[in-house]
Amino acid sequence: MSPQGGEGVKGPLTAPAGGTVDIEVGPNETSVWVNLGPGGLSEHKVPPDKKVTIPVPSTPGEVFAVTVGKGLTKRSILITIVASSP
């Protein structure tokens, strides 16, 4: 998987359906927000190692957003959910 992101949030371009994805965040971040579409916003607390594991829905072809920060310091990445191999 190719990485994406930069200052504040880093993660892969794709994630396997029904699996997990690891997100790395900057030193000042305390929460990661995951937006799976209407009604699908969830918050994940950031542990001291600044790596958050996020569960991926079982819906290949969908895209979800991972966001850190607020206002002018807000950073987001988009991750595409891909079908897992048989």
PDB file of N, CA and C in Angstrom:
ATOM      1  N   MET A   1       0.833  -1.179   0.000  1.00  0.00           N
ATOM      2  CA  MET A   1       0.000   0.000   0.000  1.00  0.00           C
ATOM      3  C   MET A   1       0.878   1.242   0.000  1.00  0.00           C
ATOM      4  N   SER A   2       0.535   2.187  -0.837  1.00  0.00           N
ATOM      5  CA  SER A   2       1.289   3.431  -0.908  1.00  0.00           C
ATOM      6  C   SER A   2       0.870   4.369   0.208  1.00  0.00           C
ATOM      7  N   PRO A   3       1.819   5.079   0.806  1.00  0.00           N
ATOM      8  CA  PRO A   3       1.458   6.027   1.870  1.00  0.00           C
ATOM      9  C   PRO A   3       0.950   7.341   1.294  1.00  0.00           C
ATOM     10  N   GLN A   4       0.219   8.073   2.090  1.00  0.00           N
ATOM     11  CA  GLN A   4      -0.232   9.407   1.735  1.00  0.00           C
ATOM     12  C   GLN A   4      -0.244  10.256   2.982  1.00  0.00           C
ATOM     13  N   GLY A   5      -0.387  11.546   2.794  1.00  0.00           N
ATOM     14  CA  GLY A   5      -0.447  12.458   3.924  1.00  0.00           C
ATOM     15  C   GLY A   5       0.896  13.109   4.148  1.00  0.00           C
ATOM     16  N   GLY A   6       1.001  13.788   5.228  1.00  0.00           N
ATOM     17  CA  GLY A   6       2.228  14.489   5.548  1.00  0.00           C
ATOM     18  C   GLY A   6       2.150  14.982   6.972  1.00  0.00           C
ATOM     19  N   GLU A   7       2.379  16.261   7.143  1.00  0.00           N
ATOM     20  CA  GLU A   7       2.362  16.859   8.470  1.00  0.00           C
ATOM     21  C   GLU A   7       0.994  16.695   9.121  1.00  0.00           C
ATOM     22  N   GLY A   8       0.944  16.035  10.264  1.00  0.00           N
ATOM     23  CA  GLY A   8      -0.310  15.892  11.011  1.00  0.00           C
ATOM     24  C   GLY A   8      -0.957  14.532  10.919  1.00  0.00           C
ATOM     25  N   VAL A   9      -1.008  13.939   9.716  1.00  0.00           N
ATOM     26  CA  VAL A   9      -1.673  12.643   9.555  1.00  0.00           C
ATOM     27  C   VAL A   9      -1.072  11.901   8.353  1.00  0.00           C
ATOM     28  N   LYS A  10      -0.781  10.610   8.561  1.00  0.00           N
ATOM     29  CA  LYS A  10      -0.244   9.763   7.496  1.00  0.00           C
ATOM     30  C   LYS A  10      -0.963   8.433   7.512  1.00  0.00           C
ATOM     31  N   GLY A  11      -1.246   7.899   6.319  1.00  0.00           N
ATOM     32  CA  GLY A  11      -1.904   6.608   6.213  1.00  0.00           C
ATOM     33  C   GLY A  11      -1.832   6.091   4.800  1.00  0.00           C
ATOM     34  N   PRO A  12      -2.372   4.903   4.550  1.00  0.00           N
ATOM     35  CA  PRO A  12      -2.330   4.305   3.217  1.00  0.00           C
ATOM     36  C   PRO A  12      -3.371   4.896   2.275  1.00  0.00           C
ATOM     37  N   LEU A  13      -3.196   4.675   0.975  1.00  0.00           N
ATOM     38  CA  LEU A  13      -4.180   5.094  -0.025  1.00  0.00           C
ATOM     39  C   LEU A  13      -5.390   4.171  -0.038  1.00  0.00           C
ATOM     40  N   THR A  14      -5.146   2.885   0.266  1.00  0.00           N
ATOM     41  CA  THR A  14      -6.214   1.889   0.252  1.00  0.00           C
ATOM     42  C   THR A  14      -6.196   1.075   1.540  1.00  0.00           C
ATOM     43  N   ALA A  15      -7.335   0.441   1.824  1.00  0.00           N
ATOM     44  CA  ALA A  15      -7.445  -0.426   2.999  1.00  0.00           C
ATOM     45  C   ALA A  15      -8.308  -1.628   2.632  1.00  0.00           C
ATOM     46  N   PRO A  16      -8.002  -2.820   3.156  1.00  0.00           N
ATOM     47  CA  PRO A  16      -8.789  -4.009   2.830  1.00  0.00           C
ATOM     48  C   PRO A  16     -10.149  -4.001   3.529  1.00  0.00           C
ATOM     49  N   ALA A  17     -11.191  -4.358   2.781  1.00  0.00           N
ATOM     50  CA  ALA A  17     -12.541  -4.417   3.351  1.00  0.00           C
ATOM     51  C   ALA A  17     -12.572  -5.369   4.533  1.00  0.00           C
ATOM     52  N   GLY A  18     -13.122  -4.921   5.659  1.00  0.00           N
ATOM     53  CA  GLY A  18     -13.240  -5.736   6.851  1.00  0.00           C
ATOM     54  C   GLY A  18     -11.960  -5.861   7.662  1.00  0.00           C
ATOM     55  N   GLY A  19     -10.900  -5.191   7.246  1.00  0.00           N
ATOM     56  CA  GLY A  19      -9.630  -5.261   7.966  1.00  0.00           C
ATOM     57  C   GLY A  19      -9.427  -4.061   8.868  1.00  0.00           C
ATOM     58  N   THR A  20      -8.182  -3.685   9.038  1.00  0.00           N
ATOM     59  CA  THR A  20      -7.838  -2.503   9.811  1.00  0.00           C
ATOM     60  C   THR A  20      -6.804  -1.693   9.048  1.00  0.00           C
ATOM     61  N   VAL A  21      -6.655  -0.444   9.441  1.00  0.00           N
ATOM     62  CA  VAL A  21      -5.667   0.439   8.838  1.00  0.00           C
ATOM     63  C   VAL A  21      -4.967   1.192   9.955  1.00  0.00           C
ATOM     64  N   ASP A  22      -3.652   1.351   9.833  1.00  0.00           N
ATOM     65  CA  ASP A  22      -2.868   2.081  10.823  1.00  0.00           C
ATOM     66  C   ASP A  22      -2.629   3.502  10.357  1.00  0.00           C
ATOM     67  N   ILE A  23      -2.932   4.455  11.218  1.00  0.00           N
ATOM     68  CA  ILE A  23      -2.774   5.877  10.939  1.00  0.00           C
ATOM     69  C   ILE A  23      -1.744   6.443  11.911  1.00  0.00           C
ATOM     70  N   GLU A  24      -0.797   7.212  11.390  1.00  0.00           N
ATOM     71  CA  GLU A  24       0.187   7.897  12.232  1.00  0.00           C
ATOM     72  C   GLU A  24      -0.192   9.372  12.285  1.00  0.00           C
ATOM     73  N   VAL A  25      -0.128   9.963  13.475  1.00  0.00           N
ATOM     74  CA  VAL A  25      -0.487  11.366  13.627  1.00  0.00           C
ATOM     75  C   VAL A  25       0.665  12.151  14.243  1.00  0.00           C
ATOM     76  N   GLY A  26       0.566  13.474  14.140  1.00  0.00           N
ATOM     77  CA  GLY A  26       1.589  14.355  14.670  1.00  0.00           C
ATOM     78  C   GLY A  26       1.615  14.375  16.188  1.00  0.00           C
ATOM     79  N   PRO A  27       2.644  14.983  16.761  1.00  0.00           N
ATOM     80  CA  PRO A  27       2.848  14.959  18.208  1.00  0.00           C
ATOM     81  C   PRO A  27       1.794  15.701  19.027  1.00  0.00           C
ATOM     82  N   ASN A  28       1.079  16.626  18.432  1.00  0.00           N
ATOM     83  CA  ASN A  28       0.106  17.424  19.189  1.00  0.00           C
ATOM     84  C   ASN A  28      -1.328  16.940  19.050  1.00  0.00           C
ATOM     85  N   GLU A  29      -1.546  15.846  18.330  1.00  0.00           N
ATOM     86  CA  GLU A  29      -2.904  15.360  18.096  1.00  0.00           C
ATOM     87  C   GLU A  29      -3.350  14.429  19.214  1.00  0.00           C
ATOM     88  N   THR A  30      -4.609  14.584  19.651  1.00  0.00           N
ATOM     89  CA  THR A  30      -5.157  13.735  20.706  1.00  0.00           C
ATOM     90  C   THR A  30      -6.316  12.865  20.216  1.00  0.00           C
ATOM     91  N   SER A  31      -6.895  13.218  19.049  1.00  0.00           N
ATOM     92  CA  SER A  31      -8.022  12.472  18.490  1.00  0.00           C
ATOM     93  C   SER A  31      -7.913  12.387  16.976  1.00  0.00           C
ATOM     94  N   VAL A  32      -8.454  11.300  16.448  1.00  0.00           N
ATOM     95  CA  VAL A  32      -8.588  11.105  15.009  1.00  0.00           C
ATOM     96  C   VAL A  32     -10.077  10.932  14.746  1.00  0.00           C
ATOM     97  N   TRP A  33     -10.589  11.634  13.748  1.00  0.00           N
ATOM     98  CA  TRP A  33     -11.993  11.509  13.374  1.00  0.00           C
ATOM     99  C   TRP A  33     -12.095  10.737  12.073  1.00  0.00           C
ATOM    100  N   VAL A  34     -12.982   9.745  12.026  1.00  0.00           N
ATOM    101  CA  VAL A  34     -13.196   8.936  10.833  1.00  0.00           C
ATOM    102  C   VAL A  34     -14.616   9.196  10.353  1.00  0.00           C
ATOM    103  N   ASN A  35     -14.742   9.586   9.079  1.00  0.00           N
ATOM    104  CA  ASN A  35     -16.042   9.889   8.497  1.00  0.00           C
ATOM    105  C   ASN A  35     -16.359   8.854   7.429  1.00  0.00           C
ATOM    106  N   LEU A  36     -17.359   8.014   7.694  1.00  0.00           N
ATOM    107  CA  LEU A  36     -17.774   6.967   6.766  1.00  0.00           C
ATOM    108  C   LEU A  36     -19.025   7.361   5.991  1.00  0.00           C
ATOM    109  N   GLY A  37     -19.344   8.628   5.942  1.00  0.00           N
ATOM    110  CA  GLY A  37     -20.543   9.083   5.239  1.00  0.00           C
ATOM    111  C   GLY A  37     -21.616   9.494   6.226  1.00  0.00           C
ATOM    112  N   PRO A  38     -22.852   9.654   5.753  1.00  0.00           N
ATOM    113  CA  PRO A  38     -23.939  10.106   6.619  1.00  0.00           C
ATOM    114  C   PRO A  38     -24.109   9.230   7.859  1.00  0.00           C
ATOM    115  N   GLY A  39     -24.020   9.846   9.017  1.00  0.00           N
ATOM    116  CA  GLY A  39     -24.210   9.139  10.279  1.00  0.00           C
ATOM    117  C   GLY A  39     -23.043   8.253  10.679  1.00  0.00           C
ATOM    118  N   GLY A  40     -21.924   8.353   9.994  1.00  0.00           N
ATOM    119  CA  GLY A  40     -20.816   7.454  10.265  1.00  0.00           C
ATOM    120  C   GLY A  40     -19.578   8.143  10.798  1.00  0.00           C
ATOM    121  N   LEU A  41     -19.736   9.191  11.595  1.00  0.00           N
ATOM    122  CA  LEU A  41     -18.589   9.907  12.156  1.00  0.00           C
ATOM    123  C   LEU A  41     -18.212   9.292  13.500  1.00  0.00           C
ATOM    124  N   SER A  42     -16.927   8.937  13.636  1.00  0.00           N
ATOM    125  CA  SER A  42     -16.482   8.363  14.910  1.00  0.00           C
ATOM    126  C   SER A  42     -15.143   8.961  15.314  1.00  0.00           C
ATOM    127  N   GLU A  43     -14.928   9.032  16.626  1.00  0.00           N
ATOM    128  CA  GLU A  43     -13.696   9.583  17.175  1.00  0.00           C
ATOM    129  C   GLU A  43     -12.858   8.449  17.757  1.00  0.00           C
ATOM    130  N   HIS A  44     -11.554   8.505  17.511  1.00  0.00           N
ATOM    131  CA  HIS A  44     -10.622   7.523  18.062  1.00  0.00           C
ATOM    132  C   HIS A  44      -9.536   8.286  18.805  1.00  0.00           C
ATOM    133  N   LYS A  45      -9.350   7.951  20.076  1.00  0.00           N
ATOM    134  CA  LYS A  45      -8.313   8.598  20.888  1.00  0.00           C
ATOM    135  C   LYS A  45      -6.933   8.129  20.428  1.00  0.00           C
ATOM    136  N   VAL A  46      -5.966   9.042  20.469  1.00  0.00           N
ATOM    137  CA  VAL A  46      -4.604   8.755  20.030  1.00  0.00           C
ATOM    138  C   VAL A  46      -3.778   8.288  21.230  1.00  0.00           C
ATOM    139  N   PRO A  47      -3.169   7.086  21.140  1.00  0.00           N
ATOM    140  CA  PRO A  47      -2.317   6.604  22.228  1.00  0.00           C
ATOM    141  C   PRO A  47      -0.965   7.323  22.226  1.00  0.00           C
ATOM    142  N   PRO A  48      -0.163   7.142  23.265  1.00  0.00           N
ATOM    143  CA  PRO A  48       1.129   7.831  23.362  1.00  0.00           C
ATOM    144  C   PRO A  48       2.082   7.575  22.189  1.00  0.00           C
ATOM    145  N   ASP A  49       1.981   6.411  21.535  1.00  0.00           N
ATOM    146  CA  ASP A  49       2.889   6.129  20.415  1.00  0.00           C
ATOM    147  C   ASP A  49       2.468   6.829  19.117  1.00  0.00           C
ATOM    148  N   LYS A  50       1.320   7.533  19.146  1.00  0.00           N
ATOM    149  CA  LYS A  50       0.812   8.332  18.024  1.00  0.00           C
ATOM    150  C   LYS A  50       0.449   7.496  16.800  1.00  0.00           C
ATOM    151  N   LYS A  51       0.105   6.210  17.016  1.00  0.00           N
ATOM    152  CA  LYS A  51      -0.356   5.326  15.950  1.00  0.00           C
ATOM    153  C   LYS A  51      -1.723   4.791  16.328  1.00  0.00           C
ATOM    154  N   VAL A  52      -2.706   5.013  15.468  1.00  0.00           N
ATOM    155  CA  VAL A  52      -4.085   4.618  15.732  1.00  0.00           C
ATOM    156  C   VAL A  52      -4.476   3.526  14.743  1.00  0.00           C
ATOM    157  N   THR A  53      -5.062   2.437  15.228  1.00  0.00           N
ATOM    158  CA  THR A  53      -5.575   1.382  14.360  1.00  0.00           C
ATOM    159  C   THR A  53      -7.077   1.564  14.236  1.00  0.00           C
ATOM    160  N   ILE A  54      -7.537   1.682  12.979  1.00  0.00           N
ATOM    161  CA  ILE A  54      -8.943   1.963  12.707  1.00  0.00           C
ATOM    162  C   ILE A  54      -9.559   0.776  11.966  1.00  0.00           C
ATOM    163  N   PRO A  55     -10.720   0.280  12.416  1.00  0.00           N
ATOM    164  CA  PRO A  55     -11.399  -0.796  11.686  1.00  0.00           C
ATOM    165  C   PRO A  55     -11.962  -0.260  10.365  1.00  0.00           C
ATOM    166  N   VAL A  56     -11.888  -1.100   9.338  1.00  0.00           N
ATOM    167  CA  VAL A  56     -12.366  -0.726   8.002  1.00  0.00           C
ATOM    168  C   VAL A  56     -13.683  -1.456   7.732  1.00  0.00           C
ATOM    169  N   PRO A  57     -14.702  -0.742   7.249  1.00  0.00           N
ATOM    170  CA  PRO A  57     -15.972  -1.396   6.927  1.00  0.00           C
ATOM    171  C   PRO A  57     -15.807  -2.434   5.808  1.00  0.00           C
ATOM    172  N   SER A  58     -16.776  -3.321   5.688  1.00  0.00           N
ATOM    173  CA  SER A  58     -16.756  -4.367   4.659  1.00  0.00           C
ATOM    174  C   SER A  58     -17.486  -3.929   3.401  1.00  0.00           C
ATOM    175  N   THR A  59     -17.175  -2.744   2.909  1.00  0.00           N
ATOM    176  CA  THR A  59     -17.861  -2.202   1.723  1.00  0.00           C
ATOM    177  C   THR A  59     -16.842  -1.768   0.676  1.00  0.00           C
ATOM    178  N   PRO A  60     -16.346  -2.711  -0.142  1.00  0.00           N
ATOM    179  CA  PRO A  60     -15.372  -2.350  -1.172  1.00  0.00           C
ATOM    180  C   PRO A  60     -15.923  -1.281  -2.113  1.00  0.00           C
ATOM    181  N   GLY A  61     -15.047  -0.395  -2.552  1.00  0.00           N
ATOM    182  CA  GLY A  61     -15.441   0.684  -3.453  1.00  0.00           C
ATOM    183  C   GLY A  61     -15.784   1.976  -2.750  1.00  0.00           C
ATOM    184  N   GLU A  62     -16.040   1.922  -1.458  1.00  0.00           N
ATOM    185  CA  GLU A  62     -16.341   3.127  -0.681  1.00  0.00           C
ATOM    186  C   GLU A  62     -15.047   3.856  -0.329  1.00  0.00           C
ATOM    187  N   VAL A  63     -15.177   5.114   0.028  1.00  0.00           N
ATOM    188  CA  VAL A  63     -14.047   5.928   0.462  1.00  0.00           C
ATOM    189  C   VAL A  63     -14.389   6.514   1.824  1.00  0.00           C
ATOM    190  N   PHE A  64     -13.412   6.529   2.736  1.00  0.00           N
ATOM    191  CA  PHE A  64     -13.651   7.180   4.017  1.00  0.00           C
ATOM    192  C   PHE A  64     -12.550   8.188   4.291  1.00  0.00           C
ATOM    193  N   ALA A  65     -12.885   9.198   5.094  1.00  0.00           N
ATOM    194  CA  ALA A  65     -11.952  10.269   5.421  1.00  0.00           C
ATOM    195  C   ALA A  65     -11.449  10.109   6.844  1.00  0.00           C
ATOM    196  N   VAL A  66     -10.157  10.380   7.021  1.00  0.00           N
ATOM    197  CA  VAL A  66      -9.535  10.400   8.344  1.00  0.00           C
ATOM    198  C   VAL A  66      -9.026  11.821   8.554  1.00  0.00           C
ATOM    199  N   THR A  67      -9.459  12.458   9.650  1.00  0.00           N
ATOM    200  CA  THR A  67      -9.158  13.867   9.890  1.00  0.00           C
ATOM    201  C   THR A  67      -8.580  14.068  11.283  1.00  0.00           C
ATOM    202  N   VAL A  68      -7.614  14.990  11.375  1.00  0.00           N
ATOM    203  CA  VAL A  68      -7.074  15.430  12.664  1.00  0.00           C
ATOM    204  C   VAL A  68      -7.091  16.948  12.675  1.00  0.00           C
ATOM    205  N   GLY A  69      -7.100  17.520  13.867  1.00  0.00           N
ATOM    206  CA  GLY A  69      -7.042  18.967  14.016  1.00  0.00           C
ATOM    207  C   GLY A  69      -8.377  19.650  13.778  1.00  0.00           C
ATOM    208  N   LYS A  70      -8.361  20.974  13.968  1.00  0.00           N
ATOM    209  CA  LYS A  70      -9.559  21.801  13.784  1.00  0.00           C
ATOM    210  C   LYS A  70      -9.162  23.107  13.128  1.00  0.00           C
ATOM    211  N   GLY A  71     -10.109  23.734  12.485  1.00  0.00           N
ATOM    212  CA  GLY A  71      -9.865  25.049  11.896  1.00  0.00           C
ATOM    213  C   GLY A  71      -8.732  25.054  10.889  1.00  0.00           C
ATOM    214  N   LEU A  72      -7.815  25.995  11.041  1.00  0.00           N
ATOM    215  CA  LEU A  72      -6.708  26.136  10.097  1.00  0.00           C
ATOM    216  C   LEU A  72      -5.687  25.014  10.194  1.00  0.00           C
ATOM    217  N   THR A  73      -5.706  24.245  11.277  1.00  0.00           N
ATOM    218  CA  THR A  73      -4.749  23.144  11.426  1.00  0.00           C
ATOM    219  C   THR A  73      -5.353  21.787  11.043  1.00  0.00           C
ATOM    220  N   LYS A  74      -6.545  21.795  10.475  1.00  0.00           N
ATOM    221  CA  LYS A  74      -7.229  20.561  10.093  1.00  0.00           C
ATOM    222  C   LYS A  74      -6.506  19.903   8.915  1.00  0.00           C
ATOM    223  N   ARG A  75      -6.285  18.578   9.027  1.00  0.00           N
ATOM    224  CA  ARG A  75      -5.651  17.797   7.970  1.00  0.00           C
ATOM    225  C   ARG A  75      -6.492  16.541   7.747  1.00  0.00           C
ATOM    226  N   SER A  76      -6.697  16.176   6.473  1.00  0.00           N
ATOM    227  CA  SER A  76      -7.491  14.995   6.147  1.00  0.00           C
ATOM    228  C   SER A  76      -6.813  14.169   5.065  1.00  0.00           C
ATOM    229  N   ILE A  77      -7.064  12.866   5.118  1.00  0.00           N
ATOM    230  CA  ILE A  77      -6.680  11.976   4.032  1.00  0.00           C
ATOM    231  C   ILE A  77      -7.904  11.140   3.670  1.00  0.00           C
ATOM    232  N   LEU A  78      -7.969  10.702   2.420  1.00  0.00           N
ATOM    233  CA  LEU A  78      -9.050   9.845   1.947  1.00  0.00           C
ATOM    234  C   LEU A  78      -8.486   8.466   1.675  1.00  0.00           C
ATOM    235  N   ILE A  79      -9.183   7.428   2.150  1.00  0.00           N
ATOM    236  CA  ILE A  79      -8.730   6.053   1.980  1.00  0.00           C
ATOM    237  C   ILE A  79      -9.838   5.260   1.262  1.00  0.00           C
ATOM    238  N   THR A  80      -9.455   4.575   0.186  1.00  0.00           N
ATOM    239  CA  THR A  80     -10.378   3.759  -0.579  1.00  0.00           C
ATOM    240  C   THR A  80     -10.399   2.340  -0.033  1.00  0.00           C
ATOM    241  N   ILE A  81     -11.594   1.792   0.151  1.00  0.00           N
ATOM    242  CA  ILE A  81     -11.742   0.429   0.646  1.00  0.00           C
ATOM    243  C   ILE A  81     -11.712  -0.514  -0.565  1.00  0.00           C
ATOM    244  N   VAL A  82     -10.815  -1.484  -0.526  1.00  0.00           N
ATOM    245  CA  VAL A  82     -10.685  -2.440  -1.633  1.00  0.00           C
ATOM    246  C   VAL A  82     -11.080  -3.823  -1.170  1.00  0.00           C
ATOM    247  N   ALA A  83     -11.543  -4.653  -2.130  1.00  0.00           N
ATOM    248  CA  ALA A  83     -11.913  -6.022  -1.802  1.00  0.00           C
ATOM    249  C   ALA A  83     -10.684  -6.800  -1.408  1.00  0.00           C
ATOM    250  N   SER A  84     -10.813  -7.603  -0.378  1.00  0.00           N
ATOM    251  CA  SER A  84      -9.696  -8.448   0.039  1.00  0.00           C
ATOM    252  C   SER A  84      -9.628  -9.655  -0.884  1.00  0.00           C
ATOM    253  N   SER A  85      -8.422 -10.151  -1.082  1.00  0.00           N
ATOM    254  CA  SER A  85      -8.254 -11.293  -1.993  1.00  0.00           C
ATOM    255  C   SER A  85      -8.789 -12.574  -1.348  1.00  0.00           C
ATOM    256  N   PRO A  86      -9.293 -13.486  -2.165  1.00  0.00           N
ATOM    257  CA  PRO A  86      -9.884 -14.715  -1.633  1.00  0.00           C
ATOM    258  C   PRO A  86      -8.876 -15.631  -0.983  1.00  0.00           C
TER     259      PRO A  86
END
